[in-house]
Amino acid sequence: MAVPLDLRVAAVFSGMGQEATAKTEVLHRAFERLYRKSPELFPGMTFVTLSDYPHSPQLESALFKLQNAGVIGVFNPRYEKLEIRSERLESVLGRIRLTDQSLVAQLQELGASARAELTVAAR
């Protein structure tokens, strides 16, 4: 069974800590960089140039699903910060581990490499 993209994105977030920027442009640029670094970890993800930054409809959908599932949350009116909820995230990571043990570690490593780029202070 293939691991869905939203679970893969959650695993990337799990490598980053408790919060990340919610700025659309920054998120999409960072995930495009991660995709270029390890495309095999993000099957089906595509990017198009939207205005002056890359945009992935699949990433947008994954973020929406994770927010609806309560894995990430945006609790600020200017939509600047994503709260990464570790208790819900562990459930998601457990689902991935049932399918592919090493995938979680690979995605968390990518998340750790993007931590500086995706901090709340990132532009």
Protein backbone atom coordinates (compact mmCIF):
# COMPACT_ATOMS: atom_id res chain seq x y z
CA MET A 1 0.00 0.00 0.00
CA ALA A 2 1.40 3.39 -0.99
CA VAL A 3 1.74 6.08 1.65
CA PRO A 4 -0.49 9.07 0.75
CA LEU A 5 1.13 12.46 0.18
CA ASP A 6 -0.58 14.11 3.15
CA LEU A 7 1.02 11.56 5.49
CA ARG A 8 4.40 12.16 3.86
CA VAL A 9 4.03 15.94 4.37
CA ALA A 10 3.11 15.31 8.02
CA ALA A 11 6.29 13.27 8.43
CA VAL A 12 8.33 16.16 7.02
CA PHE A 13 6.71 18.47 9.58
CA SER A 14 7.54 15.99 12.34
CA GLY A 15 11.22 16.61 11.66
CA MET A 16 10.82 20.35 12.22
CA GLY A 17 9.53 20.82 15.75
CA GLN A 18 6.35 22.41 17.09
CA GLU A 19 5.69 25.15 14.54
CA ALA A 20 6.39 26.29 11.01
CA THR A 21 5.52 29.22 8.83
CA ALA A 22 2.06 29.18 7.28
CA LYS A 23 3.10 31.52 4.47
CA THR A 24 2.01 29.85 1.24
CA GLU A 25 4.92 31.05 -0.85
CA VAL A 26 7.52 29.91 1.69
CA LEU A 27 5.88 26.51 2.16
CA HIS A 28 5.65 25.83 -1.56
CA ARG A 29 9.22 26.99 -2.25
CA ALA A 30 10.56 24.81 0.57
CA PHE A 31 8.65 21.73 -0.51
CA GLU A 32 9.72 22.25 -4.13
CA ARG A 33 13.32 22.24 -2.93
CA LEU A 34 12.69 19.07 -0.92
CA TYR A 35 10.99 17.51 -3.94
CA ARG A 36 13.94 18.32 -6.17
CA LYS A 37 16.28 16.84 -3.56
CA SER A 38 14.28 13.58 -3.15
CA PRO A 39 11.50 13.26 -5.75
CA GLU A 40 11.02 9.57 -4.96
CA LEU A 41 9.73 10.53 -1.50
CA PHE A 42 6.91 12.64 -2.99
CA PRO A 43 5.29 10.57 -5.76
CA GLY A 44 2.63 12.41 -7.72
CA MET A 45 3.68 15.87 -6.53
CA THR A 46 3.93 18.48 -9.28
CA PHE A 47 4.72 22.18 -9.31
CA VAL A 48 3.62 24.97 -11.60
CA THR A 49 4.84 28.55 -11.55
CA LEU A 50 2.15 30.66 -9.95
CA SER A 51 2.99 34.34 -10.06
CA ASP A 52 6.65 34.32 -8.99
CA TYR A 53 6.86 31.12 -6.95
CA PRO A 54 6.31 27.41 -7.52
CA HIS A 55 2.93 26.07 -6.47
CA SER A 56 1.84 22.46 -5.93
CA PRO A 57 -1.88 21.67 -6.00
CA GLN A 58 -1.06 18.36 -4.31
CA LEU A 59 0.77 20.12 -1.45
CA GLU A 60 -2.14 22.52 -1.06
CA SER A 61 -4.51 19.57 -0.81
CA ALA A 62 -2.22 17.77 1.66
CA LEU A 63 -2.05 20.83 3.92
CA PHE A 64 -5.84 21.14 3.81
CA LYS A 65 -6.26 17.48 4.79
CA LEU A 66 -3.75 17.79 7.64
CA GLN A 67 -5.50 20.88 8.96
CA ASN A 68 -8.90 19.16 8.81
CA ALA A 69 -7.45 16.14 10.64
CA GLY A 70 -6.07 18.42 13.35
CA VAL A 71 -2.44 17.48 12.66
CA ILE A 72 -1.58 21.09 11.90
CA GLY A 73 -3.50 24.19 12.89
CA VAL A 74 -3.54 27.88 12.18
CA PHE A 75 -4.67 29.86 15.19
CA ASN A 76 -3.62 33.35 14.26
CA PRO A 77 -5.63 35.82 12.22
CA ARG A 78 -2.84 36.69 9.79
CA TYR A 79 -2.23 33.03 8.89
CA GLU A 80 1.49 33.24 9.63
CA LYS A 81 2.12 30.24 11.85
CA LEU A 82 1.26 26.55 11.64
CA GLU A 83 1.06 24.72 14.94
CA ILE A 84 2.30 21.15 14.54
CA ARG A 85 0.39 18.95 16.99
CA SER A 86 2.67 16.16 18.11
CA GLU A 87 -0.05 14.00 19.67
CA ARG A 88 -1.96 13.76 16.38
CA LEU A 89 1.23 13.56 14.37
CA GLU A 90 2.33 10.38 16.16
CA SER A 91 -0.84 8.65 14.99
CA VAL A 92 -0.06 9.63 11.40
CA LEU A 93 3.55 8.49 11.68
CA GLY A 94 2.37 5.17 13.06
CA ARG A 95 0.28 4.63 9.94
CA ILE A 96 3.30 5.26 7.73
CA ARG A 97 5.51 2.95 9.81
CA LEU A 98 3.07 0.10 9.19
CA THR A 99 3.81 0.44 5.48
CA ASP A 100 7.44 1.60 5.37
CA GLN A 101 9.64 1.97 8.47
CA SER A 102 12.48 3.83 6.72
CA LEU A 103 10.21 6.36 5.00
CA VAL A 104 9.46 8.21 8.25
CA ALA A 105 13.15 8.67 9.01
CA GLN A 106 13.88 9.89 5.47
CA LEU A 107 11.03 12.41 5.55
CA GLN A 108 11.92 13.60 9.05
CA GLU A 109 15.49 14.16 7.89
CA LEU A 110 14.17 16.32 5.04
CA GLY A 111 12.02 18.22 7.53
CA ALA A 112 15.02 18.87 9.75
CA SER A 113 16.96 20.14 6.72
CA ALA A 114 14.11 22.60 5.98
CA ARG A 115 13.68 23.81 9.57
CA ALA A 116 15.50 27.12 9.06
CA GLU A 117 13.68 27.79 5.80
CA LEU A 118 10.27 27.10 7.30
CA THR A 119 10.60 28.92 10.61
CA VAL A 120 7.90 31.42 11.47
CA ALA A 121 10.40 34.22 10.87
CA ALA A 122 11.09 32.99 7.30
CA ARG A 123 10.06 35.31 4.52
